[in-house]
Amino acid sequence: MNGNIKILVRPNSSNNTVSGLYNDTIKIKISAAPEKGKANKELLEFLSLALKVPKQDIEIVHGEFSNLKEIRVKNMTKDGIISSLLKK
C-alpha cells in the first residue's frame, strides 16, 4: 500500500508549511532555494516529520526538477497522506 500525491512546491518561502489543498494537489512552502537539490531535500525532511515516517519511505516519483511533483509514501494511502498534511 503506497500512496501517491501531487505536491506544488513554493521554494524560497519564509518558513516550511502546508498552504492547503488545490484541485487534488497539496501546496507546500519550503524555505530552501531550488538549487542543487536543496529544496527537494528540505521537502523530504519536512514530509518525513509531518507524516511521521522515515525519509527513506518517501520518494519523488515525478518532477524532481519541477515545482509540481508526484510523491510516493510507503505504507500510507493517498487519503491518509492528505489528511495528515492538512492537520499541520
C-alpha atoms as a PDB file:
ATOM      1  CA  MET A   1       0.000   0.000   0.000  1.00  0.00           C
ATOM      2  CA  ASN A   2       1.832   3.046  -1.281  1.00  0.00           C
ATOM      3  CA  GLY A   3       0.129   6.394  -1.651  1.00  0.00           C
ATOM      4  CA  ASN A   4       0.982   8.892  -4.377  1.00  0.00           C
ATOM      5  CA  ILE A   5       0.109  12.562  -4.089  1.00  0.00           C
ATOM      6  CA  LYS A   6       0.774  15.643  -6.183  1.00  0.00           C
ATOM      7  CA  ILE A   7       2.571  18.492  -4.468  1.00  0.00           C
ATOM      8  CA  LEU A   8       3.108  22.036  -5.678  1.00  0.00           C
ATOM      9  CA  VAL A   9       6.297  23.309  -4.049  1.00  0.00           C
ATOM     10  CA  ARG A  10       6.974  27.004  -3.482  1.00  0.00           C
ATOM     11  CA  PRO A  11      10.674  27.366  -2.609  1.00  0.00           C
ATOM     12  CA  ASN A  12      12.315  30.448  -1.050  1.00  0.00           C
ATOM     13  CA  SER A  13       9.427  30.900   1.390  1.00  0.00           C
ATOM     14  CA  SER A  14       9.800  32.376   4.854  1.00  0.00           C
ATOM     15  CA  ASN A  15       9.092  29.008   6.511  1.00  0.00           C
ATOM     16  CA  ASN A  16       8.128  25.401   5.799  1.00  0.00           C
ATOM     17  CA  THR A  17       4.375  24.950   5.858  1.00  0.00           C
ATOM     18  CA  VAL A  18       1.417  23.323   4.135  1.00  0.00           C
ATOM     19  CA  SER A  19      -0.637  26.018   2.391  1.00  0.00           C
ATOM     20  CA  GLY A  20      -3.664  23.896   1.559  1.00  0.00           C
ATOM     21  CA  LEU A  21      -5.286  21.609  -0.988  1.00  0.00           C
ATOM     22  CA  TYR A  22      -5.994  22.851  -4.514  1.00  0.00           C
ATOM     23  CA  ASN A  23      -7.645  20.523  -7.056  1.00  0.00           C
ATOM     24  CA  ASP A  24      -6.147  17.310  -5.636  1.00  0.00           C
ATOM     25  CA  THR A  25      -2.718  18.957  -5.252  1.00  0.00           C
ATOM     26  CA  ILE A  26      -1.200  19.944  -1.921  1.00  0.00           C
ATOM     27  CA  LYS A  27       0.679  23.244  -1.889  1.00  0.00           C
ATOM     28  CA  ILE A  28       3.748  23.288   0.361  1.00  0.00           C
ATOM     29  CA  LYS A  29       6.037  26.236   1.043  1.00  0.00           C
ATOM     30  CA  ILE A  30       9.715  25.402   1.598  1.00  0.00           C
ATOM     31  CA  SER A  31      12.329  27.882   2.806  1.00  0.00           C
ATOM     32  CA  ALA A  32      15.243  26.347   0.851  1.00  0.00           C
ATOM     33  CA  ALA A  33      16.293  27.649  -2.549  1.00  0.00           C
ATOM     34  CA  PRO A  34      15.654  25.476  -5.618  1.00  0.00           C
ATOM     35  CA  GLU A  35      19.328  24.890  -6.336  1.00  0.00           C
ATOM     36  CA  LYS A  36      21.448  21.739  -6.206  1.00  0.00           C
ATOM     37  CA  GLY A  37      18.545  19.729  -4.770  1.00  0.00           C
ATOM     38  CA  LYS A  38      18.284  21.786  -1.573  1.00  0.00           C
ATOM     39  CA  ALA A  39      14.525  22.362  -1.860  1.00  0.00           C
ATOM     40  CA  ASN A  40      13.874  18.676  -2.634  1.00  0.00           C
ATOM     41  CA  LYS A  41      15.955  17.585   0.363  1.00  0.00           C
ATOM     42  CA  GLU A  42      14.136  20.005   2.664  1.00  0.00           C
ATOM     43  CA  LEU A  43      10.766  18.942   1.236  1.00  0.00           C
ATOM     44  CA  LEU A  44      11.513  15.271   2.011  1.00  0.00           C
ATOM     45  CA  GLU A  45      12.647  16.178   5.549  1.00  0.00           C
ATOM     46  CA  PHE A  46       9.507  18.271   6.080  1.00  0.00           C
ATOM     47  CA  LEU A  47       7.251  15.463   4.814  1.00  0.00           C
ATOM     48  CA  SER A  48       9.061  12.916   6.966  1.00  0.00           C
ATOM     49  CA  LEU A  49       8.410  14.964  10.115  1.00  0.00           C
ATOM     50  CA  ALA A  50       4.842  15.897   9.160  1.00  0.00           C
ATOM     51  CA  LEU A  51       3.842  12.332   8.257  1.00  0.00           C
ATOM     52  CA  LYS A  52       5.941  10.681  10.994  1.00  0.00           C
ATOM     53  CA  VAL A  53       7.606   8.284   8.540  1.00  0.00           C
ATOM     54  CA  PRO A  54      11.300   7.673   7.783  1.00  0.00           C
ATOM     55  CA  LYS A  55      12.766   9.737   4.940  1.00  0.00           C
ATOM     56  CA  GLN A  56      13.638   6.558   3.051  1.00  0.00           C
ATOM     57  CA  ASP A  57       9.896   5.757   2.831  1.00  0.00           C
ATOM     58  CA  ILE A  58       9.286   8.921   0.790  1.00  0.00           C
ATOM     59  CA  GLU A  59      10.365   9.348  -2.821  1.00  0.00           C
ATOM     60  CA  ILE A  60       9.886  11.829  -5.622  1.00  0.00           C
ATOM     61  CA  VAL A  61       8.339   9.811  -8.458  1.00  0.00           C
ATOM     62  CA  HIS A  62       7.983  12.659 -10.989  1.00  0.00           C
ATOM     63  CA  GLY A  63       9.046  16.301 -11.121  1.00  0.00           C
ATOM     64  CA  GLU A  64      12.447  16.283  -9.453  1.00  0.00           C
ATOM     65  CA  PHE A  65      13.348  19.482 -11.332  1.00  0.00           C
ATOM     66  CA  SER A  66       9.846  20.998 -11.337  1.00  0.00           C
ATOM     67  CA  ASN A  67       7.619  22.817  -8.830  1.00  0.00           C
ATOM     68  CA  LEU A  68       4.904  20.224  -9.474  1.00  0.00           C
ATOM     69  CA  LYS A  69       5.959  16.877  -8.036  1.00  0.00           C
ATOM     70  CA  GLU A  70       4.449  13.466  -7.520  1.00  0.00           C
ATOM     71  CA  ILE A  71       5.468  11.953  -4.202  1.00  0.00           C
ATOM     72  CA  ARG A  72       5.108   8.320  -3.108  1.00  0.00           C
ATOM     73  CA  VAL A  73       4.919   7.394   0.565  1.00  0.00           C
ATOM     74  CA  LYS A  74       5.271   3.737   1.556  1.00  0.00           C
ATOM     75  CA  ASN A  75       2.636   2.231   3.830  1.00  0.00           C
ATOM     76  CA  MET A  76       0.263   5.198   3.621  1.00  0.00           C
ATOM     77  CA  THR A  77      -2.808   5.779   1.476  1.00  0.00           C
ATOM     78  CA  LYS A  78      -3.334   8.937  -0.544  1.00  0.00           C
ATOM     79  CA  ASP A  79      -6.178   9.986   1.766  1.00  0.00           C
ATOM     80  CA  GLY A  80      -4.047   9.286   4.834  1.00  0.00           C
ATOM     81  CA  ILE A  81      -1.244  11.453   3.483  1.00  0.00           C
ATOM     82  CA  ILE A  82      -3.570  14.326   2.629  1.00  0.00           C
ATOM     83  CA  SER A  83      -5.361  14.271   5.988  1.00  0.00           C
ATOM     84  CA  SER A  84      -2.064  14.121   7.900  1.00  0.00           C
ATOM     85  CA  LEU A  85      -0.609  17.068   6.000  1.00  0.00           C
ATOM     86  CA  LEU A  86      -3.721  19.227   6.281  1.00  0.00           C
ATOM     87  CA  LYS A  87      -3.687  18.824  10.088  1.00  0.00           C
ATOM     88  CA  LYS A  88      -0.351  20.700  10.189  1.00  0.00           C
END
